[in-house]
Protein backbone atom coordinates (compact mmCIF):
# COMPACT_ATOMS: atom_id res chain seq x y z
CA MET A 1 0.00 0.00 0.00
CA SER A 2 1.44 3.39 -1.01
CA PHE A 3 1.00 6.04 1.66
CA ASN A 4 1.84 8.79 -0.83
CA SER A 5 -0.72 7.86 -3.48
CA ASN A 6 -3.59 6.64 -1.27
CA PRO A 7 -4.96 9.44 0.96
CA LEU A 8 -6.79 6.85 3.08
CA ALA A 9 -3.81 4.52 3.46
CA TYR A 10 -3.13 5.35 7.12
CA GLU A 11 -6.82 5.12 8.02
CA THR A 12 -7.14 1.82 6.15
CA LEU A 13 -4.12 0.43 7.99
CA LYS A 14 -5.77 1.14 11.34
CA TRP A 15 -9.21 -0.03 10.18
CA ASP A 16 -7.61 -3.32 9.15
CA GLU A 17 -6.04 -3.58 12.61
CA GLY A 18 -9.51 -3.43 14.13
CA PHE A 19 -9.88 0.26 14.97
CA SER A 20 -13.32 1.33 13.72
CA PHE A 21 -13.13 4.99 14.77
CA VAL A 22 -9.87 6.58 13.60
CA ALA A 23 -9.57 10.34 14.11
CA GLY A 24 -7.36 12.71 12.19
CA VAL A 25 -6.02 15.57 14.33
CA ASP A 26 -4.36 18.84 13.37
CA GLU A 27 -3.86 22.33 14.80
CA ALA A 28 -3.82 25.92 13.62
CA GLY A 29 -2.28 29.04 15.11
CA ARG A 30 0.75 27.56 16.80
CA GLY A 31 3.10 30.18 15.37
CA CYS A 32 0.88 33.22 15.88
CA MET A 33 1.56 35.98 18.38
CA ALA A 34 -2.13 36.53 19.07
CA GLY A 35 -5.25 34.42 19.47
CA PRO A 36 -5.79 30.80 20.50
CA VAL A 37 -4.19 27.64 19.27
CA VAL A 38 -7.02 25.55 17.82
CA ALA A 39 -7.07 21.80 17.23
CA ALA A 40 -9.66 19.75 15.38
CA ALA A 41 -10.37 16.03 15.37
CA VAL A 42 -12.28 14.39 12.51
CA ILE A 43 -13.58 10.85 12.08
CA PHE A 44 -15.01 9.51 8.83
CA THR A 45 -17.54 6.85 9.76
CA ASP A 46 -18.28 5.95 6.12
CA LYS A 47 -15.14 5.53 4.02
CA ASN A 48 -17.26 5.46 0.88
CA HIS A 49 -18.79 8.85 1.63
CA ILE A 50 -16.04 11.46 2.04
CA PRO A 51 -16.34 15.01 0.68
CA ASP A 52 -14.25 15.65 -2.45
CA GLY A 53 -11.42 18.18 -2.44
CA ILE A 54 -9.99 17.61 1.04
CA ASN A 55 -6.32 18.53 1.29
CA ASP A 56 -3.85 20.27 3.55
CA SER A 57 -5.65 23.53 4.40
CA LYS A 58 -2.54 25.52 3.42
CA GLN A 59 -2.93 24.26 -0.15
CA LEU A 60 -6.51 25.50 -0.45
CA THR A 61 -7.91 28.94 -1.08
CA HIS A 62 -10.01 30.62 1.58
CA GLU A 63 -13.13 30.03 -0.51
CA LYS A 64 -12.41 26.30 -0.91
CA ARG A 65 -11.65 25.93 2.80
CA MET A 66 -14.95 27.54 3.75
CA LYS A 67 -16.94 25.38 1.31
CA LEU A 68 -15.28 22.23 2.63
CA ARG A 69 -15.90 23.39 6.18
CA GLU A 70 -19.63 23.56 5.48
CA LYS A 71 -19.57 20.13 3.85
CA LEU A 72 -17.77 18.58 6.81
CA LEU A 73 -19.95 20.21 9.44
CA SER A 74 -23.20 19.29 7.72
CA ASP A 75 -22.33 15.67 6.85
CA PRO A 76 -23.90 13.26 9.37
CA THR A 77 -21.26 10.62 8.58
CA VAL A 78 -18.48 12.96 9.73
CA LEU A 79 -17.75 13.21 13.46
CA TRP A 80 -15.77 16.25 14.53
CA ALA A 81 -14.72 18.27 17.55
CA ILE A 82 -12.70 21.40 18.32
CA GLY A 83 -10.24 22.09 21.14
CA GLU A 84 -9.00 25.61 21.93
CA VAL A 85 -6.39 27.02 24.28
CA TYR A 86 -6.25 30.80 24.70
CA PRO A 87 -3.31 33.20 25.11
CA GLU A 88 -3.30 33.49 28.91
CA GLU A 89 -2.89 29.73 29.24
CA ILE A 90 -0.45 29.57 26.32
CA ASP A 91 1.75 32.05 28.18
CA ARG A 92 1.42 30.03 31.37
CA ILE A 93 2.14 26.51 30.06
CA ASN A 94 4.02 27.26 26.77
CA ILE A 95 2.85 26.73 23.20
CA LEU A 96 3.92 23.08 22.92
CA GLN A 97 1.93 22.07 25.99
CA ALA A 98 -0.98 24.23 24.83
CA THR A 99 -1.00 22.56 21.42
CA TRP A 100 -1.04 19.12 23.01
CA LYS A 101 -3.84 20.22 25.33
CA ALA A 102 -5.95 21.54 22.43
CA MET A 103 -5.56 18.19 20.64
CA ARG A 104 -6.45 16.30 23.81
CA LEU A 105 -9.55 18.47 24.34
CA ALA A 106 -10.71 17.81 20.78
CA LEU A 107 -10.29 14.05 21.14
CA LEU A 108 -12.04 13.97 24.51
CA GLN A 109 -15.13 15.40 22.85
CA LEU A 110 -15.23 12.39 20.50
CA PRO A 111 -15.77 9.47 22.90
CA GLN A 112 -16.00 7.06 19.97
CA THR A 113 -12.34 7.60 19.07
CA GLU A 114 -10.20 4.46 19.25
CA PHE A 115 -7.06 5.69 17.49
CA ALA A 116 -5.68 9.09 16.42
CA LEU A 117 -3.59 10.09 13.42
CA ILE A 118 -1.67 13.25 14.36
CA ASP A 119 -0.09 15.74 12.01
CA GLY A 120 3.56 16.39 12.78
CA ASN A 121 5.61 15.16 15.72
CA PRO A 122 4.57 12.76 18.52
CA VAL A 123 2.13 14.18 21.08
CA LYS A 124 2.07 13.28 24.77
CA GLY A 125 -0.99 12.86 26.96
CA LEU A 126 -3.60 11.87 24.40
CA PRO A 127 -6.57 9.78 25.60
CA VAL A 128 -6.11 7.17 22.83
CA PRO A 129 -3.15 5.51 21.08
CA SER A 130 -1.81 7.57 18.19
CA LEU A 131 0.48 7.69 15.18
CA SER A 132 2.25 10.92 14.25
CA ILE A 133 2.73 11.61 10.55
CA VAL A 134 5.02 14.34 9.25
CA LYS A 135 3.09 16.37 6.66
CA GLY A 136 0.09 14.24 7.57
CA ASP A 137 -2.34 16.95 6.50
CA ALA A 138 -1.35 16.18 2.89
CA LEU A 139 -1.10 12.40 3.33
CA SER A 140 -4.25 11.57 5.29
CA LEU A 141 -7.79 12.67 4.44
CA SER A 142 -8.91 12.73 8.06
CA ILE A 143 -5.92 14.87 9.08
CA GLY A 144 -6.53 17.09 6.05
CA ALA A 145 -10.15 17.52 7.13
CA ALA A 146 -9.00 18.36 10.65
CA SER A 147 -6.59 20.96 9.27
CA ILE A 148 -9.47 22.61 7.40
CA LEU A 149 -11.71 22.77 10.47
CA ALA A 150 -8.91 24.00 12.74
CA LYS A 151 -7.83 26.71 10.30
CA THR A 152 -11.33 27.98 9.48
CA THR A 153 -12.47 27.91 13.11
CA ARG A 154 -9.50 30.00 14.13
CA ASP A 155 -9.83 32.39 11.19
CA LEU A 156 -13.48 33.01 11.99
CA TYR A 157 -12.57 33.75 15.61
CA MET A 158 -9.88 36.22 14.56
CA GLU A 159 -12.25 37.95 12.17
CA LYS A 160 -14.80 38.29 14.96
CA ILE A 161 -12.31 39.55 17.54
CA ALA A 162 -11.11 42.13 15.00
CA GLU A 163 -14.41 43.94 15.51
CA GLU A 164 -13.46 44.43 19.16
CA TYR A 165 -9.86 45.45 18.44
CA PRO A 166 -9.95 47.06 14.97
CA GLN A 167 -6.60 48.81 15.39
CA TYR A 168 -4.70 45.52 15.01
CA GLN A 169 -6.39 44.40 11.75
CA PHE A 170 -6.67 40.79 12.93
CA GLU A 171 -9.01 40.09 10.02
CA VAL A 172 -6.06 40.63 7.67
CA HIS A 173 -3.18 38.68 9.27
CA LYS A 174 -5.12 36.42 11.68
CA GLY A 175 -2.61 37.04 14.45
CA TYR A 176 0.55 36.00 12.61
CA CYS A 177 3.80 37.97 12.90
CA THR A 178 3.37 40.20 9.88
CA ARG A 179 4.90 43.65 9.54
CA ILE A 180 1.50 45.34 9.83
CA HIS A 181 0.75 43.38 13.01
CA ILE A 182 4.09 44.16 14.62
CA ARG A 183 3.72 47.87 13.83
CA ALA A 184 0.27 47.89 15.44
CA VAL A 185 1.62 46.33 18.64
CA GLU A 186 4.48 48.85 18.69
CA GLU A 187 1.97 51.70 18.36
CA PHE A 188 -0.90 50.51 20.57
CA GLY A 189 0.74 47.92 22.80
CA PRO A 190 -0.67 44.39 23.18
CA CYS A 191 -4.33 43.64 23.79
CA PRO A 192 -5.83 40.79 25.89
CA ILE A 193 -5.56 38.22 23.08
CA HIS A 194 -1.84 38.75 22.48
CA ARG A 195 0.65 36.14 23.69
CA LEU A 196 2.95 38.09 25.97
CA THR A 197 5.70 35.44 26.05
CA PHE A 198 6.03 35.45 22.25
CA GLU A 199 8.50 37.52 20.28
CA PRO A 200 8.50 40.28 19.25
CA ILE A 201 5.87 41.19 21.87
CA LYS A 202 8.15 40.12 24.71
CA SER A 203 10.90 42.46 23.52
CA ILE A 204 8.44 45.28 22.81
CA LEU A 205 7.23 45.09 26.41
CA ASN A 206 10.72 44.60 27.85
CA PRO A 207 13.25 46.22 25.52
CA PRO A 208 16.88 45.32 26.20
CA GLU A 209 18.79 47.87 28.22
CA LYS A 210 21.14 50.01 26.21
CA ILE A 211 24.73 49.69 27.32
CA GLN A 212 26.25 53.08 28.00
CA PRO A 213 29.61 53.58 26.32
CA GLU A 214 32.62 54.10 28.51
CA LEU A 215 33.70 57.73 28.51
CA PHE A 216 37.15 57.23 29.96
């Protein structure tokens, strides 16, 4: 079985091992300096009824992501859940632990889950056995679906929060470290959804002391 040519190869492997409910899990927002880290878990209960066009969310246009989001959310054969961890906790426990927690929260909302396929590196503390797959969002349909739900859920949140904090233009950059975002933080300071332990916010709040030159 080719794992590169068959986008259900990893799911099929686990189905053949006796796992009926295999969830794909992915996150969005790990590298942002504002907003939550969001994880999604997706289970296809009917392998013969999977929406067309699923891929790594980064390879899709915004319009295609949103259309696939609606397909996934409205399909009764698709089980899904979302886990979110917000900036205050990210700053307290660090982004790695927060990402793992978001994934764990998503899986805990799907009590049917028997096995999880995770995008990226191994994750600790999950409630079910798992397999981590580098670039899994492009190699597994269930992980790809999870990447779409995680990305669109987070984008919609950032667009909504932009109405409360219009000066940061969150609807444009979604909290990532763009030039326009950094300039806004330099001008207005951080707001409650910024991650204070992330650079460059950390240095903006606590600039390094200038060393005075020796005069003699």
